Amino acid sequence: MKIDRSFIQNIAQQPVNASITSAMIKMAQYLKLEVIAEGVETEDELAHLHDEGCYMIQGFYYSKPQPIEQFEQRYIVD
């Protein structure tokens, strides 16, 4: 299950979004689904997701979009 960035954005300052996100993560875990959060940009967002048990993350916190060649040079080890 993918959690849209609109729920993730400013999660530390928006308790409603934090509650909805937590409920989605718990529901997915109960249903034995993998959960991925998209649009993670800050350490607070990452920390909240980790606290709730969501460890699959997409977003600028880790890297901005880049050409495949640049990705391979940076992340692929021969």
N, C-alpha and C. Protein backbone atom coordinates (compact mmCIF):
# COMPACT_ATOMS: atom_id res chain seq x y z
N MET A 1 0.84 -1.16 0.00
CA MET A 1 0.00 0.00 0.00
C MET A 1 0.90 1.23 0.00
N LYS A 2 0.57 2.20 -0.82
CA LYS A 2 1.36 3.43 -0.90
C LYS A 2 0.59 4.56 -0.21
N ILE A 3 1.30 5.26 0.67
CA ILE A 3 0.72 6.41 1.36
C ILE A 3 1.12 7.66 0.60
N ASP A 4 0.14 8.41 0.16
CA ASP A 4 0.37 9.60 -0.65
C ASP A 4 1.09 10.69 0.15
N ARG A 5 1.90 11.44 -0.54
CA ARG A 5 2.69 12.50 0.09
C ARG A 5 1.83 13.56 0.76
N SER A 6 0.58 13.71 0.33
CA SER A 6 -0.29 14.72 0.95
C SER A 6 -0.56 14.40 2.42
N PHE A 7 -0.48 13.13 2.80
CA PHE A 7 -0.63 12.75 4.20
C PHE A 7 0.69 12.88 4.96
N ILE A 8 1.81 12.78 4.25
CA ILE A 8 3.13 12.78 4.88
C ILE A 8 3.63 14.19 5.14
N GLN A 9 3.31 15.10 4.24
CA GLN A 9 3.83 16.46 4.30
C GLN A 9 3.47 17.13 5.62
N ASN A 10 4.47 17.62 6.34
CA ASN A 10 4.30 18.33 7.62
C ASN A 10 3.57 17.49 8.67
N ILE A 11 3.83 16.21 8.67
CA ILE A 11 3.13 15.29 9.56
C ILE A 11 3.32 15.66 11.04
N ALA A 12 4.46 16.24 11.39
CA ALA A 12 4.72 16.61 12.78
C ALA A 12 3.85 17.78 13.24
N GLN A 13 3.41 18.62 12.31
CA GLN A 13 2.59 19.78 12.65
C GLN A 13 1.11 19.58 12.37
N GLN A 14 0.74 18.46 11.77
CA GLN A 14 -0.66 18.22 11.41
C GLN A 14 -1.14 16.92 12.05
N PRO A 15 -1.71 17.00 13.26
CA PRO A 15 -2.11 15.80 13.97
C PRO A 15 -3.15 14.95 13.24
N VAL A 16 -3.99 15.57 12.44
CA VAL A 16 -4.98 14.78 11.69
C VAL A 16 -4.28 13.89 10.68
N ASN A 17 -3.33 14.46 9.95
CA ASN A 17 -2.57 13.66 8.98
C ASN A 17 -1.77 12.57 9.67
N ALA A 18 -1.21 12.89 10.83
CA ALA A 18 -0.45 11.89 11.59
C ALA A 18 -1.35 10.74 11.99
N SER A 19 -2.56 11.03 12.44
CA SER A 19 -3.50 9.98 12.85
C SER A 19 -3.94 9.13 11.68
N ILE A 20 -4.24 9.77 10.56
CA ILE A 20 -4.66 9.03 9.37
C ILE A 20 -3.53 8.14 8.88
N THR A 21 -2.33 8.67 8.84
CA THR A 21 -1.17 7.90 8.40
C THR A 21 -0.93 6.71 9.31
N SER A 22 -0.98 6.93 10.61
CA SER A 22 -0.80 5.83 11.56
C SER A 22 -1.85 4.75 11.37
N ALA A 23 -3.09 5.15 11.16
CA ALA A 23 -4.17 4.18 10.94
C ALA A 23 -3.95 3.38 9.66
N MET A 24 -3.50 4.06 8.59
CA MET A 24 -3.24 3.35 7.33
C MET A 24 -2.12 2.33 7.51
N ILE A 25 -1.07 2.71 8.23
CA ILE A 25 0.05 1.79 8.44
C ILE A 25 -0.41 0.58 9.25
N LYS A 26 -1.17 0.81 10.31
CA LYS A 26 -1.66 -0.29 11.15
C LYS A 26 -2.57 -1.22 10.36
N MET A 27 -3.46 -0.64 9.54
CA MET A 27 -4.37 -1.45 8.72
C MET A 27 -3.57 -2.31 7.73
N ALA A 28 -2.59 -1.71 7.08
CA ALA A 28 -1.78 -2.46 6.11
C ALA A 28 -1.02 -3.58 6.82
N GLN A 29 -0.47 -3.30 7.99
CA GLN A 29 0.24 -4.33 8.74
C GLN A 29 -0.70 -5.47 9.13
N TYR A 30 -1.89 -5.14 9.56
CA TYR A 30 -2.89 -6.15 9.94
C TYR A 30 -3.24 -7.03 8.74
N LEU A 31 -3.31 -6.42 7.56
CA LEU A 31 -3.64 -7.16 6.33
C LEU A 31 -2.41 -7.80 5.69
N LYS A 32 -1.26 -7.65 6.34
CA LYS A 32 0.01 -8.21 5.86
C LYS A 32 0.41 -7.66 4.49
N LEU A 33 0.17 -6.35 4.32
CA LEU A 33 0.56 -5.65 3.10
C LEU A 33 1.85 -4.89 3.37
N GLU A 34 2.65 -4.71 2.34
CA GLU A 34 3.81 -3.83 2.45
C GLU A 34 3.33 -2.39 2.35
N VAL A 35 4.00 -1.51 3.07
CA VAL A 35 3.62 -0.09 3.09
C VAL A 35 4.81 0.72 2.61
N ILE A 36 4.55 1.65 1.70
CA ILE A 36 5.59 2.59 1.27
C ILE A 36 5.01 4.00 1.36
N ALA A 37 5.79 4.89 1.95
CA ALA A 37 5.38 6.29 2.08
C ALA A 37 6.12 7.10 1.04
N GLU A 38 5.37 7.90 0.31
CA GLU A 38 6.01 8.72 -0.73
C GLU A 38 6.06 10.18 -0.30
N GLY A 39 7.00 10.89 -0.85
CA GLY A 39 7.11 12.32 -0.60
C GLY A 39 7.76 12.69 0.72
N VAL A 40 8.57 11.79 1.27
CA VAL A 40 9.25 12.08 2.54
C VAL A 40 10.39 13.05 2.27
N GLU A 41 10.35 14.20 2.95
CA GLU A 41 11.34 15.24 2.71
C GLU A 41 12.10 15.67 3.95
N THR A 42 11.60 15.35 5.15
CA THR A 42 12.25 15.84 6.36
C THR A 42 12.54 14.70 7.33
N GLU A 43 13.44 14.99 8.25
CA GLU A 43 13.78 14.01 9.28
C GLU A 43 12.59 13.73 10.20
N ASP A 44 11.77 14.76 10.49
CA ASP A 44 10.57 14.57 11.32
C ASP A 44 9.59 13.60 10.67
N GLU A 45 9.39 13.75 9.36
CA GLU A 45 8.49 12.84 8.65
C GLU A 45 9.03 11.42 8.70
N LEU A 46 10.32 11.27 8.44
CA LEU A 46 10.96 9.96 8.48
C LEU A 46 10.85 9.33 9.86
N ALA A 47 11.11 10.10 10.91
CA ALA A 47 11.06 9.59 12.28
C ALA A 47 9.65 9.12 12.63
N HIS A 48 8.65 9.90 12.26
CA HIS A 48 7.26 9.51 12.55
C HIS A 48 6.92 8.19 11.86
N LEU A 49 7.29 8.07 10.61
CA LEU A 49 7.00 6.84 9.86
C LEU A 49 7.72 5.65 10.48
N HIS A 50 8.97 5.81 10.84
CA HIS A 50 9.72 4.72 11.49
C HIS A 50 9.08 4.34 12.82
N ASP A 51 8.65 5.34 13.60
CA ASP A 51 7.99 5.07 14.88
C ASP A 51 6.72 4.24 14.70
N GLU A 52 6.06 4.43 13.56
CA GLU A 52 4.83 3.70 13.28
C GLU A 52 5.08 2.35 12.59
N GLY A 53 6.34 2.08 12.24
CA GLY A 53 6.66 0.79 11.63
C GLY A 53 6.68 0.80 10.12
N CYS A 54 6.76 1.98 9.51
CA CYS A 54 6.86 2.09 8.05
C CYS A 54 8.31 2.38 7.70
N TYR A 55 8.94 1.42 7.02
CA TYR A 55 10.37 1.55 6.72
C TYR A 55 10.68 1.68 5.23
N MET A 56 9.68 1.54 4.38
CA MET A 56 9.89 1.73 2.95
C MET A 56 9.49 3.16 2.62
N ILE A 57 10.46 3.92 2.13
CA ILE A 57 10.31 5.36 1.97
C ILE A 57 10.74 5.79 0.57
N GLN A 58 9.99 6.74 0.00
CA GLN A 58 10.40 7.43 -1.22
C GLN A 58 10.42 8.91 -0.92
N GLY A 59 11.32 9.63 -1.53
CA GLY A 59 11.25 11.08 -1.38
C GLY A 59 12.59 11.76 -1.44
N PHE A 60 12.52 13.08 -1.46
CA PHE A 60 13.71 13.92 -1.58
C PHE A 60 14.61 13.82 -0.35
N TYR A 61 14.10 13.27 0.76
CA TYR A 61 14.96 13.11 1.94
C TYR A 61 16.19 12.30 1.58
N TYR A 62 16.01 11.31 0.72
CA TYR A 62 17.13 10.46 0.31
C TYR A 62 17.79 10.95 -0.96
N SER A 63 17.00 11.35 -1.95
CA SER A 63 17.59 11.77 -3.21
C SER A 63 16.54 12.42 -4.10
N LYS A 64 16.96 13.40 -4.84
CA LYS A 64 16.10 13.97 -5.88
C LYS A 64 16.15 13.05 -7.10
N PRO A 65 15.17 13.15 -8.01
CA PRO A 65 15.23 12.34 -9.23
C PRO A 65 16.54 12.59 -9.98
N GLN A 66 17.05 11.53 -10.61
CA GLN A 66 18.31 11.64 -11.33
C GLN A 66 18.33 10.67 -12.50
N PRO A 67 19.16 10.94 -13.50
CA PRO A 67 19.28 10.03 -14.62
C PRO A 67 19.78 8.66 -14.15
N ILE A 68 19.41 7.62 -14.86
CA ILE A 68 19.79 6.26 -14.48
C ILE A 68 21.30 6.08 -14.39
N GLU A 69 22.02 6.73 -15.27
CA GLU A 69 23.48 6.60 -15.25
C GLU A 69 24.06 7.13 -13.95
N GLN A 70 23.56 8.26 -13.49
CA GLN A 70 24.02 8.84 -12.24
C GLN A 70 23.65 7.94 -11.06
N PHE A 71 22.45 7.39 -11.09
CA PHE A 71 22.01 6.47 -10.03
C PHE A 71 22.92 5.26 -9.97
N GLU A 72 23.19 4.68 -11.13
CA GLU A 72 24.03 3.48 -11.16
C GLU A 72 25.43 3.77 -10.64
N GLN A 73 26.00 4.92 -11.01
CA GLN A 73 27.33 5.27 -10.52
C GLN A 73 27.35 5.44 -9.01
N ARG A 74 26.28 5.95 -8.49
CA ARG A 74 26.24 6.25 -7.06
C ARG A 74 25.86 5.05 -6.20
N TYR A 75 24.97 4.18 -6.71
CA TYR A 75 24.40 3.15 -5.84
C TYR A 75 24.72 1.70 -6.23
N ILE A 76 25.12 1.47 -7.47
CA ILE A 76 25.39 0.11 -7.92
C ILE A 76 26.88 -0.20 -7.74
N VAL A 77 27.16 -1.24 -7.00
CA VAL A 77 28.54 -1.65 -6.77
C VAL A 77 28.78 -2.93 -7.56
N ASP A 78 29.85 -2.94 -8.34
CA ASP A 78 30.17 -4.14 -9.14
C ASP A 78 30.86 -5.17 -8.29
